[in-house]
């Protein structure tokens, strides 16, 4: 029996104020699978995932998430965006930030149960930040804060994890912990959508969606990540991928952050 679709996107145009940033996106992801969304900054990655989680309405096309409309099941979808300043602004401890991952299930004023507290503790252990539990987030390094926010997403115990550039700021050890944790999430049946400009993140995904202000390619990495598609997405080929093939690096690394919070 085939696994149910975690996401189903057909003919999606996504953007702001009715103007499409990306168009004609069609992809289906089953439970327990990973979709890597690849592209440079400004390619449309964040626009796609914010539409997927219901923060942006589609310009047109159809989006189904866990069988319903985007945003209809907040307790089942964990979303980690690129900007996570709440813990700093509110002077929260690391444990407080991770505990926020249980709010969708318990509510802002709901009482945390022993199993919630255990899940928070376990999520912090998985990301190697248990010893930082009582430290103010404002006093952590950028990489430590990123680990804490990933732990928050893990504490959600979601059926779908949507992560926008989760490896940003992580060192080698942090990246290894995150990838191991995501593999565990997949093993229990959760689907993962991960935006990245790092080709390594896509080599073991079930599907890759390559964006460059348009859909360049979509499908299994072995067929979607061709030399021409990677050139169109990143613009430069350097070296080789593990197991063969060419490694593509982003030669631009630009940060097209606009004051209105549009795609990066």
C-alpha atoms as a PDB file:
ATOM      1  CA  UNK A   1       0.000   0.000   0.000  1.00  0.00           C
ATOM      2  CA  UNK A   2       1.400   3.408  -0.958  1.00  0.00           C
ATOM      3  CA  UNK A   3       1.915   5.967   1.787  1.00  0.00           C
ATOM      4  CA  UNK A   4      -0.528   8.923   1.940  1.00  0.00           C
ATOM      5  CA  UNK A   5       0.583  12.261   0.549  1.00  0.00           C
ATOM      6  CA  UNK A   6       1.969  14.696   3.100  1.00  0.00           C
ATOM      7  CA  UNK A   7       1.860  17.500   0.544  1.00  0.00           C
ATOM      8  CA  UNK A   8       0.311  17.725  -2.897  1.00  0.00           C
ATOM      9  CA  UNK A   9       0.982  20.820  -4.980  1.00  0.00           C
ATOM     10  CA  UNK A  10      -0.461  21.263  -8.472  1.00  0.00           C
ATOM     11  CA  UNK A  11       0.139  24.231 -10.765  1.00  0.00           C
ATOM     12  CA  UNK A  12       1.037  26.530  -7.884  1.00  0.00           C
ATOM     13  CA  UNK A  13       1.905  30.169  -8.427  1.00  0.00           C
ATOM     14  CA  UNK A  14       3.177  31.778  -5.221  1.00  0.00           C
ATOM     15  CA  UNK A  15       4.120  35.351  -4.461  1.00  0.00           C
ATOM     16  CA  UNK A  16       3.047  38.610  -2.883  1.00  0.00           C
ATOM     17  CA  UNK A  17       0.091  40.923  -3.493  1.00  0.00           C
ATOM     18  CA  UNK A  18      -1.085  38.749  -6.382  1.00  0.00           C
ATOM     19  CA  UNK A  19       2.271  38.872  -8.188  1.00  0.00           C
ATOM     20  CA  UNK A  20       3.907  35.475  -8.643  1.00  0.00           C
ATOM     21  CA  UNK A  21       7.522  34.967  -7.591  1.00  0.00           C
ATOM     22  CA  UNK A  22       7.430  31.349  -8.768  1.00  0.00           C
ATOM     23  CA  UNK A  23       4.913  29.683 -11.057  1.00  0.00           C
ATOM     24  CA  UNK A  24       3.787  26.244 -12.203  1.00  0.00           C
ATOM     25  CA  UNK A  25       5.082  24.278  -9.196  1.00  0.00           C
ATOM     26  CA  UNK A  26       3.804  20.707  -9.009  1.00  0.00           C
ATOM     27  CA  UNK A  27       5.157  18.213  -6.488  1.00  0.00           C
ATOM     28  CA  UNK A  28       3.865  15.420  -4.260  1.00  0.00           C
ATOM     29  CA  UNK A  29       5.592  14.163  -1.138  1.00  0.00           C
ATOM     30  CA  UNK A  30       4.592  11.063   0.809  1.00  0.00           C
ATOM     31  CA  UNK A  31       4.752  10.562   4.571  1.00  0.00           C
ATOM     32  CA  UNK A  32       8.291   9.655   5.631  1.00  0.00           C
ATOM     33  CA  UNK A  33       9.912  11.339   2.620  1.00  0.00           C
ATOM     34  CA  UNK A  34      12.109  14.417   2.245  1.00  0.00           C
ATOM     35  CA  UNK A  35      11.859  17.228  -0.301  1.00  0.00           C
ATOM     36  CA  UNK A  36      14.943  19.422  -0.698  1.00  0.00           C
ATOM     37  CA  UNK A  37      14.121  22.867  -2.114  1.00  0.00           C
ATOM     38  CA  UNK A  38      17.284  24.178  -3.730  1.00  0.00           C
ATOM     39  CA  UNK A  39      18.247  27.609  -4.933  1.00  0.00           C
ATOM     40  CA  UNK A  40      20.256  30.731  -4.196  1.00  0.00           C
ATOM     41  CA  UNK A  41      18.934  33.546  -2.036  1.00  0.00           C
ATOM     42  CA  UNK A  42      16.105  35.233  -3.902  1.00  0.00           C
ATOM     43  CA  UNK A  43      15.194  32.109  -5.890  1.00  0.00           C
ATOM     44  CA  UNK A  44      11.713  31.639  -4.395  1.00  0.00           C
ATOM     45  CA  UNK A  45      12.468  28.998  -1.757  1.00  0.00           C
ATOM     46  CA  UNK A  46      11.008  30.923   1.167  1.00  0.00           C
ATOM     47  CA  UNK A  47       8.018  32.019  -0.896  1.00  0.00           C
ATOM     48  CA  UNK A  48       7.242  28.377  -1.618  1.00  0.00           C
ATOM     49  CA  UNK A  49       7.448  27.164   1.982  1.00  0.00           C
ATOM     50  CA  UNK A  50       5.569  30.105   3.501  1.00  0.00           C
ATOM     51  CA  UNK A  51       2.759  29.309   1.065  1.00  0.00           C
ATOM     52  CA  UNK A  52       2.994  25.657   2.025  1.00  0.00           C
ATOM     53  CA  UNK A  53       2.469  26.401   5.730  1.00  0.00           C
ATOM     54  CA  UNK A  54      -0.361  28.855   5.094  1.00  0.00           C
ATOM     55  CA  UNK A  55       1.413  32.157   5.783  1.00  0.00           C
ATOM     56  CA  UNK A  56       0.922  33.258   2.167  1.00  0.00           C
ATOM     57  CA  UNK A  57      -2.188  32.539   0.083  1.00  0.00           C
ATOM     58  CA  UNK A  58      -1.504  30.942  -3.305  1.00  0.00           C
ATOM     59  CA  UNK A  59      -1.747  33.278  -6.272  1.00  0.00           C
ATOM     60  CA  UNK A  60      -3.351  30.341  -8.049  1.00  0.00           C
ATOM     61  CA  UNK A  61      -3.124  26.573  -8.155  1.00  0.00           C
ATOM     62  CA  UNK A  62      -3.845  23.906  -5.545  1.00  0.00           C
ATOM     63  CA  UNK A  63      -1.988  23.124  -2.326  1.00  0.00           C
ATOM     64  CA  UNK A  64      -2.981  20.301   0.030  1.00  0.00           C
ATOM     65  CA  UNK A  65      -1.074  19.690   3.254  1.00  0.00           C
ATOM     66  CA  UNK A  66      -1.802  16.520   5.234  1.00  0.00           C
ATOM     67  CA  UNK A  67      -5.065  16.232   3.340  1.00  0.00           C
ATOM     68  CA  UNK A  68      -6.282  19.753   4.139  1.00  0.00           C
ATOM     69  CA  UNK A  69      -5.674  23.390   3.339  1.00  0.00           C
ATOM     70  CA  UNK A  70      -2.326  24.996   4.258  1.00  0.00           C
ATOM     71  CA  UNK A  71      -2.416  26.174   7.863  1.00  0.00           C
ATOM     72  CA  UNK A  72      -5.456  24.046   8.748  1.00  0.00           C
ATOM     73  CA  UNK A  73      -3.539  21.652  11.029  1.00  0.00           C
ATOM     74  CA  UNK A  74      -1.017  23.740  13.010  1.00  0.00           C
ATOM     75  CA  UNK A  75      -0.389  21.023  15.583  1.00  0.00           C
ATOM     76  CA  UNK A  76       0.742  18.660  12.808  1.00  0.00           C
ATOM     77  CA  UNK A  77       3.091  21.025  10.921  1.00  0.00           C
ATOM     78  CA  UNK A  78       6.328  22.359  12.449  1.00  0.00           C
ATOM     79  CA  UNK A  79       7.721  25.398  10.647  1.00  0.00           C
ATOM     80  CA  UNK A  80      11.199  26.809  11.214  1.00  0.00           C
ATOM     81  CA  UNK A  81      11.745  30.053   9.345  1.00  0.00           C
ATOM     82  CA  UNK A  82      15.005  31.890   8.791  1.00  0.00           C
ATOM     83  CA  UNK A  83      14.472  34.700  11.314  1.00  0.00           C
ATOM     84  CA  UNK A  84      14.050  33.602  14.926  1.00  0.00           C
ATOM     85  CA  UNK A  85      14.510  36.648  17.156  1.00  0.00           C
ATOM     86  CA  UNK A  86      11.670  36.113  19.626  1.00  0.00           C
ATOM     87  CA  UNK A  87      13.850  34.404  22.215  1.00  0.00           C
ATOM     88  CA  UNK A  88      16.295  37.315  22.204  1.00  0.00           C
ATOM     89  CA  UNK A  89      13.619  40.022  22.343  1.00  0.00           C
ATOM     90  CA  UNK A  90      11.702  38.321  25.158  1.00  0.00           C
ATOM     91  CA  UNK A  91      14.785  37.291  27.147  1.00  0.00           C
ATOM     92  CA  UNK A  92      13.747  33.649  27.085  1.00  0.00           C
ATOM     93  CA  UNK A  93      15.851  30.699  28.205  1.00  0.00           C
ATOM     94  CA  UNK A  94      16.742  27.965  25.737  1.00  0.00           C
ATOM     95  CA  UNK A  95      14.280  25.592  27.429  1.00  0.00           C
ATOM     96  CA  UNK A  96      11.491  28.170  27.018  1.00  0.00           C
ATOM     97  CA  UNK A  97      12.099  28.409  23.277  1.00  0.00           C
ATOM     98  CA  UNK A  98      12.054  24.632  22.820  1.00  0.00           C
ATOM     99  CA  UNK A  99       8.898  24.393  24.951  1.00  0.00           C
ATOM    100  CA  UNK A 100       7.172  26.648  22.394  1.00  0.00           C
ATOM    101  CA  UNK A 101       7.200  23.587  20.152  1.00  0.00           C
ATOM    102  CA  UNK A 102       4.417  22.159  22.341  1.00  0.00           C
ATOM    103  CA  UNK A 103       2.169  25.250  22.158  1.00  0.00           C
ATOM    104  CA  UNK A 104       0.387  24.119  18.993  1.00  0.00           C
ATOM    105  CA  UNK A 105      -0.695  20.947  20.775  1.00  0.00           C
ATOM    106  CA  UNK A 106      -1.382  22.442  24.229  1.00  0.00           C
ATOM    107  CA  UNK A 107      -2.165  26.107  23.503  1.00  0.00           C
ATOM    108  CA  UNK A 108      -0.394  29.178  24.867  1.00  0.00           C
ATOM    109  CA  UNK A 109      -2.048  28.783  28.268  1.00  0.00           C
ATOM    110  CA  UNK A 110      -2.303  24.991  28.324  1.00  0.00           C
ATOM    111  CA  UNK A 111      -0.599  23.105  31.119  1.00  0.00           C
ATOM    112  CA  UNK A 112       2.486  21.166  30.079  1.00  0.00           C
ATOM    113  CA  UNK A 113       2.182  17.463  30.866  1.00  0.00           C
ATOM    114  CA  UNK A 114       5.023  15.172  31.941  1.00  0.00           C
ATOM    115  CA  UNK A 115       5.214  13.735  28.408  1.00  0.00           C
ATOM    116  CA  UNK A 116       5.514  17.287  26.993  1.00  0.00           C
ATOM    117  CA  UNK A 117       8.398  18.084  29.325  1.00  0.00           C
ATOM    118  CA  UNK A 118      10.064  14.782  28.461  1.00  0.00           C
ATOM    119  CA  UNK A 119       9.729  15.527  24.745  1.00  0.00           C
ATOM    120  CA  UNK A 120      11.270  18.978  25.228  1.00  0.00           C
ATOM    121  CA  UNK A 121      14.195  17.474  27.166  1.00  0.00           C
ATOM    122  CA  UNK A 122      14.706  14.747  24.573  1.00  0.00           C
ATOM    123  CA  UNK A 123      14.623  17.257  21.698  1.00  0.00           C
ATOM    124  CA  UNK A 124      17.309  19.341  23.389  1.00  0.00           C
ATOM    125  CA  UNK A 125      19.448  16.246  23.904  1.00  0.00           C
ATOM    126  CA  UNK A 126      19.099  15.322  20.237  1.00  0.00           C
ATOM    127  CA  UNK A 127      20.489  18.721  19.219  1.00  0.00           C
ATOM    128  CA  UNK A 128      23.199  18.764  21.886  1.00  0.00           C
ATOM    129  CA  UNK A 129      21.816  21.764  23.804  1.00  0.00           C
ATOM    130  CA  UNK A 130      20.548  20.115  27.008  1.00  0.00           C
ATOM    131  CA  UNK A 131      23.334  21.740  29.025  1.00  0.00           C
ATOM    132  CA  UNK A 132      22.163  25.145  27.778  1.00  0.00           C
ATOM    133  CA  UNK A 133      18.587  24.698  29.002  1.00  0.00           C
ATOM    134  CA  UNK A 134      18.702  27.530  31.565  1.00  0.00           C
ATOM    135  CA  UNK A 135      20.870  29.892  29.497  1.00  0.00           C
ATOM    136  CA  UNK A 136      19.261  33.041  28.050  1.00  0.00           C
ATOM    137  CA  UNK A 137      18.936  32.690  24.276  1.00  0.00           C
ATOM    138  CA  UNK A 138      20.416  36.174  23.885  1.00  0.00           C
ATOM    139  CA  UNK A 139      23.686  34.915  25.358  1.00  0.00           C
ATOM    140  CA  UNK A 140      24.035  31.946  23.009  1.00  0.00           C
ATOM    141  CA  UNK A 141      26.104  31.939  19.853  1.00  0.00           C
ATOM    142  CA  UNK A 142      24.341  31.979  16.490  1.00  0.00           C
ATOM    143  CA  UNK A 143      24.989  28.281  15.982  1.00  0.00           C
ATOM    144  CA  UNK A 144      23.705  27.429  19.458  1.00  0.00           C
ATOM    145  CA  UNK A 145      20.529  29.451  18.851  1.00  0.00           C
ATOM    146  CA  UNK A 146      19.985  27.603  15.588  1.00  0.00           C
ATOM    147  CA  UNK A 147      20.313  24.271  17.380  1.00  0.00           C
ATOM    148  CA  UNK A 148      17.745  25.448  19.956  1.00  0.00           C
ATOM    149  CA  UNK A 149      15.260  26.403  17.242  1.00  0.00           C
ATOM    150  CA  UNK A 150      15.718  23.062  15.486  1.00  0.00           C
ATOM    151  CA  UNK A 151      15.071  21.382  18.842  1.00  0.00           C
ATOM    152  CA  UNK A 152      11.844  23.404  19.040  1.00  0.00           C
ATOM    153  CA  UNK A 153      10.761  21.983  15.673  1.00  0.00           C
ATOM    154  CA  UNK A 154      11.580  18.465  16.884  1.00  0.00           C
ATOM    155  CA  UNK A 155       9.557  19.007  20.074  1.00  0.00           C
ATOM    156  CA  UNK A 156       6.502  19.681  17.880  1.00  0.00           C
ATOM    157  CA  UNK A 157       6.344  15.943  17.125  1.00  0.00           C
ATOM    158  CA  UNK A 158       4.845  16.982  13.813  1.00  0.00           C
ATOM    159  CA  UNK A 159       3.712  14.939  10.836  1.00  0.00           C
ATOM    160  CA  UNK A 160       5.397  17.485   8.542  1.00  0.00           C
ATOM    161  CA  UNK A 161       8.521  19.525   9.263  1.00  0.00           C
ATOM    162  CA  UNK A 162       9.112  22.565   7.050  1.00  0.00           C
ATOM    163  CA  UNK A 163      12.597  23.976   7.597  1.00  0.00           C
ATOM    164  CA  UNK A 164      13.943  27.083   5.842  1.00  0.00           C
ATOM    165  CA  UNK A 165      17.769  26.997   5.707  1.00  0.00           C
ATOM    166  CA  UNK A 166      18.083  24.970   8.952  1.00  0.00           C
ATOM    167  CA  UNK A 167      21.836  24.440   8.548  1.00  0.00           C
ATOM    168  CA  UNK A 168      22.558  28.195   8.527  1.00  0.00           C
ATOM    169  CA  UNK A 169      25.107  28.918  11.241  1.00  0.00           C
ATOM    170  CA  UNK A 170      25.600  25.275  12.192  1.00  0.00           C
ATOM    171  CA  UNK A 171      29.055  23.796  12.543  1.00  0.00           C
ATOM    172  CA  UNK A 172      29.905  20.292  11.336  1.00  0.00           C
ATOM    173  CA  UNK A 173      28.784  18.685  14.605  1.00  0.00           C
ATOM    174  CA  UNK A 174      25.509  20.598  14.657  1.00  0.00           C
ATOM    175  CA  UNK A 175      24.744  19.689  11.074  1.00  0.00           C
ATOM    176  CA  UNK A 176      25.407  16.007  11.805  1.00  0.00           C
ATOM    177  CA  UNK A 177      23.058  16.104  14.815  1.00  0.00           C
ATOM    178  CA  UNK A 178      20.336  17.760  12.752  1.00  0.00           C
ATOM    179  CA  UNK A 179      20.586  15.273   9.896  1.00  0.00           C
ATOM    180  CA  UNK A 180      20.480  12.338  12.338  1.00  0.00           C
ATOM    181  CA  UNK A 181      17.422  13.823  14.045  1.00  0.00           C
ATOM    182  CA  UNK A 182      15.643  14.339  10.721  1.00  0.00           C
ATOM    183  CA  UNK A 183      16.364  10.738   9.773  1.00  0.00           C
ATOM    184  CA  UNK A 184      14.693   9.672  13.023  1.00  0.00           C
ATOM    185  CA  UNK A 185      11.709  11.880  12.217  1.00  0.00           C
ATOM    186  CA  UNK A 186      11.389  10.255   8.805  1.00  0.00           C
ATOM    187  CA  UNK A 187      11.640   6.802  10.354  1.00  0.00           C
ATOM    188  CA  UNK A 188       8.586   7.497  12.517  1.00  0.00           C
ATOM    189  CA  UNK A 189       6.662   8.632   9.412  1.00  0.00           C
ATOM    190  CA  UNK A 190       7.104  12.400   9.350  1.00  0.00           C
ATOM    191  CA  UNK A 191       7.714  14.147   6.035  1.00  0.00           C
ATOM    192  CA  UNK A 192      10.393  16.845   5.762  1.00  0.00           C
ATOM    193  CA  UNK A 193      10.593  19.867   3.448  1.00  0.00           C
ATOM    194  CA  UNK A 194      13.958  21.623   3.710  1.00  0.00           C
ATOM    195  CA  UNK A 195      15.076  24.761   1.888  1.00  0.00           C
ATOM    196  CA  UNK A 196      18.792  24.955   1.232  1.00  0.00           C
ATOM    197  CA  UNK A 197      21.447  26.285  -1.110  1.00  0.00           C
ATOM    198  CA  UNK A 198      23.768  23.436  -0.096  1.00  0.00           C
ATOM    199  CA  UNK A 199      23.835  20.618  -2.641  1.00  0.00           C
ATOM    200  CA  UNK A 200      24.884  18.114   0.040  1.00  0.00           C
ATOM    201  CA  UNK A 201      21.492  18.502   1.723  1.00  0.00           C
ATOM    202  CA  UNK A 202      19.732  17.261  -1.405  1.00  0.00           C
ATOM    203  CA  UNK A 203      21.822  14.223  -2.308  1.00  0.00           C
ATOM    204  CA  UNK A 204      19.936  11.885   0.049  1.00  0.00           C
ATOM    205  CA  UNK A 205      16.477  13.480  -0.301  1.00  0.00           C
ATOM    206  CA  UNK A 206      13.648  11.607  -1.984  1.00  0.00           C
ATOM    207  CA  UNK A 207      12.902  14.578  -4.211  1.00  0.00           C
ATOM    208  CA  UNK A 208      14.616  17.822  -5.174  1.00  0.00           C
ATOM    209  CA  UNK A 209      12.882  21.003  -6.312  1.00  0.00           C
ATOM    210  CA  UNK A 210      15.316  23.385  -8.018  1.00  0.00           C
ATOM    211  CA  UNK A 211      14.273  27.049  -8.152  1.00  0.00           C
ATOM    212  CA  UNK A 212      15.791  30.109  -9.799  1.00  0.00           C
ATOM    213  CA  UNK A 213      12.830  32.487  -9.843  1.00  0.00           C
ATOM    214  CA  UNK A 214      11.161  29.668 -11.756  1.00  0.00           C
ATOM    215  CA  UNK A 215      11.004  25.888 -11.551  1.00  0.00           C
ATOM    216  CA  UNK A 216      14.217  24.579 -13.077  1.00  0.00           C
ATOM    217  CA  UNK A 217      13.610  20.899 -12.283  1.00  0.00           C
ATOM    218  CA  UNK A 218      11.721  18.673  -9.871  1.00  0.00           C
ATOM    219  CA  UNK A 219      12.027  14.958  -9.172  1.00  0.00           C
ATOM    220  CA  UNK A 220      14.396  12.408  -7.642  1.00  0.00           C
ATOM    221  CA  UNK A 221      17.863  13.967  -7.188  1.00  0.00           C
ATOM    222  CA  UNK A 222      19.446  11.494  -9.607  1.00  0.00           C
ATOM    223  CA  UNK A 223      17.287  12.815 -12.445  1.00  0.00           C
ATOM    224  CA  UNK A 224      16.500  16.392 -11.359  1.00  0.00           C
ATOM    225  CA  UNK A 225      20.012  17.457 -10.402  1.00  0.00           C
ATOM    226  CA  UNK A 226      21.571  17.285 -13.848  1.00  0.00           C
ATOM    227  CA  UNK A 227      24.521  19.428 -14.834  1.00  0.00           C
ATOM    228  CA  UNK A 228      22.332  21.776 -16.871  1.00  0.00           C
ATOM    229  CA  UNK A 229      19.718  22.083 -14.106  1.00  0.00           C
ATOM    230  CA  UNK A 230      22.351  22.816 -11.483  1.00  0.00           C
ATOM    231  CA  UNK A 231      24.024  25.350 -13.742  1.00  0.00           C
ATOM    232  CA  UNK A 232      20.681  27.089 -14.250  1.00  0.00           C
ATOM    233  CA  UNK A 233      20.036  27.070 -10.499  1.00  0.00           C
ATOM    234  CA  UNK A 234      23.460  28.035  -9.147  1.00  0.00           C
ATOM    235  CA  UNK A 235      25.473  29.217 -12.104  1.00  0.00           C
ATOM    236  CA  UNK A 236      28.800  27.563 -11.343  1.00  0.00           C
ATOM    237  CA  UNK A 237      30.154  24.013 -11.252  1.00  0.00           C
ATOM    238  CA  UNK A 238      33.092  23.211  -8.975  1.00  0.00           C
ATOM    239  CA  UNK A 239      34.367  19.707  -8.248  1.00  0.00           C
ATOM    240  CA  UNK A 240      32.355  16.548  -7.741  1.00  0.00           C
ATOM    241  CA  UNK A 241      29.502  15.281  -5.589  1.00  0.00           C
ATOM    242  CA  UNK A 242      29.999  12.271  -3.304  1.00  0.00           C
ATOM    243  CA  UNK A 243      29.323   9.152  -5.337  1.00  0.00           C
ATOM    244  CA  UNK A 244      29.899  10.938  -8.625  1.00  0.00           C
ATOM    245  CA  UNK A 245      28.441  13.923 -10.382  1.00  0.00           C
ATOM    246  CA  UNK A 246      29.365  17.580 -10.145  1.00  0.00           C
ATOM    247  CA  UNK A 247      29.303  19.749  -7.042  1.00  0.00           C
ATOM    248  CA  UNK A 248      27.648  23.100  -7.564  1.00  0.00           C
ATOM    249  CA  UNK A 249      28.405  26.118  -5.433  1.00  0.00           C
ATOM    250  CA  UNK A 250      26.439  29.371  -5.209  1.00  0.00           C
ATOM    251  CA  UNK A 251      28.786  32.080  -6.499  1.00  0.00           C
ATOM    252  CA  UNK A 252      26.479  34.951  -5.542  1.00  0.00           C
ATOM    253  CA  UNK A 253      25.519  34.470  -1.868  1.00  0.00           C
ATOM    254  CA  UNK A 254      23.459  37.617  -2.067  1.00  0.00           C
ATOM    255  CA  UNK A 255      20.912  38.532   0.592  1.00  0.00           C
ATOM    256  CA  UNK A 256      17.853  39.955  -1.080  1.00  0.00           C
ATOM    257  CA  UNK A 257      16.031  40.816   2.144  1.00  0.00           C
ATOM    258  CA  UNK A 258      13.380  43.433   1.599  1.00  0.00           C
ATOM    259  CA  UNK A 259      11.808  45.507   4.302  1.00  0.00           C
ATOM    260  CA  UNK A 260       8.447  43.836   3.734  1.00  0.00           C
ATOM    261  CA  UNK A 261       9.815  40.391   4.548  1.00  0.00           C
ATOM    262  CA  UNK A 262       9.673  39.004   1.016  1.00  0.00           C
ATOM    263  CA  UNK A 263      11.525  35.923  -0.086  1.00  0.00           C
ATOM    264  CA  UNK A 264      15.146  35.241   0.666  1.00  0.00           C
END
